[in-house]
Amino acid sequence: MAGRISVSERLGADAFNSDKTSHLRLVSDDLCRSCPRKPCITVCPAQVYEWEPGQNKLLIHYENCLETGACRVACQELGNKSLVWAYPGAGHGVQYRLG
């Protein structure tokens, strides 16, 4: 029996066709700043969100998005409801190659 493929190997096989504009945006930077938990950072498996303390703002690396929607749920249920999440435009986003 062949060895199992690790999660890292599976994700490495995925293809990304990033749009020029982000499909993720914030309602308000102030809502993010005042969010005590910042759950989007911890639930995203692709590390799309990064808190930049020196500038006191949330950086969004949308081109890495796996489109799980975990960040949207976390922000709405545990955060300050600042994240607006949508699927990327037609022909853009992640293409899963190994299921």
C-alpha atoms as a PDB file:
ATOM      1  CA  MET A   1       0.000   0.000   0.000  1.00  0.00           C
ATOM      2  CA  ALA A   2       1.359   3.404  -0.959  1.00  0.00           C
ATOM      3  CA  GLY A   3       2.082   5.928   1.783  1.00  0.00           C
ATOM      4  CA  ARG A   4      -0.458   8.523   2.710  1.00  0.00           C
ATOM      5  CA  ILE A   5      -0.091  12.008   1.307  1.00  0.00           C
ATOM      6  CA  SER A   6       0.405  14.633   4.012  1.00  0.00           C
ATOM      7  CA  VAL A   7      -1.755  17.713   4.273  1.00  0.00           C
ATOM      8  CA  SER A   8       1.230  19.869   3.304  1.00  0.00           C
ATOM      9  CA  GLU A   9       1.761  17.822   0.145  1.00  0.00           C
ATOM     10  CA  ARG A  10      -1.936  18.052  -0.730  1.00  0.00           C
ATOM     11  CA  LEU A  11      -1.987  21.812  -0.263  1.00  0.00           C
ATOM     12  CA  GLY A  12       1.245  22.129  -2.237  1.00  0.00           C
ATOM     13  CA  ALA A  13      -0.473  20.534  -5.225  1.00  0.00           C
ATOM     14  CA  ASP A  14      -3.276  23.115  -5.242  1.00  0.00           C
ATOM     15  CA  ALA A  15      -3.240  25.882  -7.815  1.00  0.00           C
ATOM     16  CA  PHE A  16      -4.154  29.496  -7.161  1.00  0.00           C
ATOM     17  CA  ASN A  17      -5.379  31.959  -9.742  1.00  0.00           C
ATOM     18  CA  SER A  18      -5.489  35.208  -7.809  1.00  0.00           C
ATOM     19  CA  ASP A  19      -7.660  38.081  -8.884  1.00  0.00           C
ATOM     20  CA  LYS A  20      -6.180  41.582  -8.930  1.00  0.00           C
ATOM     21  CA  THR A  21      -8.633  42.678  -6.258  1.00  0.00           C
ATOM     22  CA  SER A  22      -9.335  41.012  -2.951  1.00  0.00           C
ATOM     23  CA  HIS A  23     -12.525  39.072  -2.301  1.00  0.00           C
ATOM     24  CA  LEU A  24     -11.998  39.792   1.402  1.00  0.00           C
ATOM     25  CA  ARG A  25     -12.505  43.225   2.927  1.00  0.00           C
ATOM     26  CA  LEU A  26     -13.185  44.905   6.228  1.00  0.00           C
ATOM     27  CA  VAL A  27     -16.227  46.935   7.134  1.00  0.00           C
ATOM     28  CA  SER A  28     -14.012  48.997   9.393  1.00  0.00           C
ATOM     29  CA  ASP A  29     -10.375  48.987  10.509  1.00  0.00           C
ATOM     30  CA  ASP A  30     -11.590  50.340  13.855  1.00  0.00           C
ATOM     31  CA  LEU A  31     -13.767  47.252  14.410  1.00  0.00           C
ATOM     32  CA  CYS A  32     -10.708  45.042  13.860  1.00  0.00           C
ATOM     33  CA  ARG A  33      -8.543  47.122  16.168  1.00  0.00           C
ATOM     34  CA  SER A  34     -11.107  46.846  18.948  1.00  0.00           C
ATOM     35  CA  CYS A  35     -11.691  43.092  18.453  1.00  0.00           C
ATOM     36  CA  PRO A  36     -10.303  41.390  21.569  1.00  0.00           C
ATOM     37  CA  ARG A  37      -9.937  37.867  20.121  1.00  0.00           C
ATOM     38  CA  LYS A  38      -9.103  38.470  16.457  1.00  0.00           C
ATOM     39  CA  PRO A  39     -10.403  34.957  15.652  1.00  0.00           C
ATOM     40  CA  CYS A  40      -9.840  35.271  11.894  1.00  0.00           C
ATOM     41  CA  ILE A  41      -6.097  34.971  12.532  1.00  0.00           C
ATOM     42  CA  THR A  42      -6.318  31.748  14.504  1.00  0.00           C
ATOM     43  CA  VAL A  43      -8.927  29.863  12.449  1.00  0.00           C
ATOM     44  CA  CYS A  44      -7.536  30.453   8.970  1.00  0.00           C
ATOM     45  CA  PRO A  45      -5.571  27.365   7.858  1.00  0.00           C
ATOM     46  CA  ALA A  46      -3.725  29.360   5.179  1.00  0.00           C
ATOM     47  CA  GLN A  47      -2.550  32.234   7.394  1.00  0.00           C
ATOM     48  CA  VAL A  48      -4.343  34.779   5.217  1.00  0.00           C
ATOM     49  CA  TYR A  49      -4.652  37.198   8.148  1.00  0.00           C
ATOM     50  CA  GLU A  50      -1.744  38.799   9.948  1.00  0.00           C
ATOM     51  CA  TRP A  51      -1.896  41.412  12.675  1.00  0.00           C
ATOM     52  CA  GLU A  52       0.704  44.112  12.158  1.00  0.00           C
ATOM     53  CA  PRO A  53       1.180  45.614  15.622  1.00  0.00           C
ATOM     54  CA  GLY A  54       3.506  48.415  14.499  1.00  0.00           C
ATOM     55  CA  GLN A  55       0.784  49.772  12.244  1.00  0.00           C
ATOM     56  CA  ASN A  56      -2.069  48.446  14.410  1.00  0.00           C
ATOM     57  CA  LYS A  57      -3.923  46.941  11.464  1.00  0.00           C
ATOM     58  CA  LEU A  58      -4.948  43.644   9.946  1.00  0.00           C
ATOM     59  CA  LEU A  59      -3.097  42.599   6.806  1.00  0.00           C
ATOM     60  CA  ILE A  60      -5.045  40.375   4.427  1.00  0.00           C
ATOM     61  CA  HIS A  61      -3.064  38.090   2.097  1.00  0.00           C
ATOM     62  CA  TYR A  62      -6.112  37.158   0.009  1.00  0.00           C
ATOM     63  CA  GLU A  63      -4.067  35.403  -2.672  1.00  0.00           C
ATOM     64  CA  ASN A  64      -3.421  32.519  -0.215  1.00  0.00           C
ATOM     65  CA  CYS A  65      -7.111  31.950   0.596  1.00  0.00           C
ATOM     66  CA  LEU A  66      -8.340  28.335   0.587  1.00  0.00           C
ATOM     67  CA  GLU A  67     -11.973  29.551   0.579  1.00  0.00           C
ATOM     68  CA  THR A  68     -13.040  27.514   3.613  1.00  0.00           C
ATOM     69  CA  GLY A  69     -15.112  30.379   5.033  1.00  0.00           C
ATOM     70  CA  ALA A  70     -13.792  29.681   8.540  1.00  0.00           C
ATOM     71  CA  CYS A  71     -12.702  33.294   8.962  1.00  0.00           C
ATOM     72  CA  ARG A  72     -16.152  34.581   8.054  1.00  0.00           C
ATOM     73  CA  VAL A  73     -17.863  32.392  10.647  1.00  0.00           C
ATOM     74  CA  ALA A  74     -15.264  33.182  13.313  1.00  0.00           C
ATOM     75  CA  CYS A  75     -15.521  36.930  12.759  1.00  0.00           C
ATOM     76  CA  GLN A  76     -19.321  36.889  12.799  1.00  0.00           C
ATOM     77  CA  GLU A  77     -19.660  34.590  15.822  1.00  0.00           C
ATOM     78  CA  LEU A  78     -16.600  35.441  17.943  1.00  0.00           C
ATOM     79  CA  GLY A  79     -15.312  38.711  16.566  1.00  0.00           C
ATOM     80  CA  ASN A  80     -16.559  42.220  15.858  1.00  0.00           C
ATOM     81  CA  LYS A  81     -18.306  41.363  12.568  1.00  0.00           C
ATOM     82  CA  SER A  82     -15.939  43.430  10.443  1.00  0.00           C
ATOM     83  CA  LEU A  83     -14.944  40.871   7.804  1.00  0.00           C
ATOM     84  CA  VAL A  84     -16.842  40.752   4.519  1.00  0.00           C
ATOM     85  CA  TRP A  85     -16.129  37.487   2.708  1.00  0.00           C
ATOM     86  CA  ALA A  86     -17.145  36.498  -0.802  1.00  0.00           C
ATOM     87  CA  TYR A  87     -15.965  33.905  -3.278  1.00  0.00           C
ATOM     88  CA  PRO A  88     -13.382  35.187  -5.765  1.00  0.00           C
ATOM     89  CA  GLY A  89     -14.660  36.234  -9.165  1.00  0.00           C
ATOM     90  CA  ALA A  90     -15.259  33.690 -11.915  1.00  0.00           C
ATOM     91  CA  GLY A  91     -12.112  31.822 -12.896  1.00  0.00           C
ATOM     92  CA  HIS A  92     -10.189  32.969  -9.824  1.00  0.00           C
ATOM     93  CA  GLY A  93      -9.353  31.409  -6.484  1.00  0.00           C
ATOM     94  CA  VAL A  94      -8.061  28.034  -5.389  1.00  0.00           C
ATOM     95  CA  GLN A  95      -8.189  24.884  -7.516  1.00  0.00           C
ATOM     96  CA  TYR A  96      -7.921  21.736  -5.414  1.00  0.00           C
ATOM     97  CA  ARG A  97      -5.892  19.054  -7.132  1.00  0.00           C
ATOM     98  CA  LEU A  98      -5.910  16.161  -4.640  1.00  0.00           C
ATOM     99  CA  GLY A  99      -9.369  16.332  -3.102  1.00  0.00           C
END
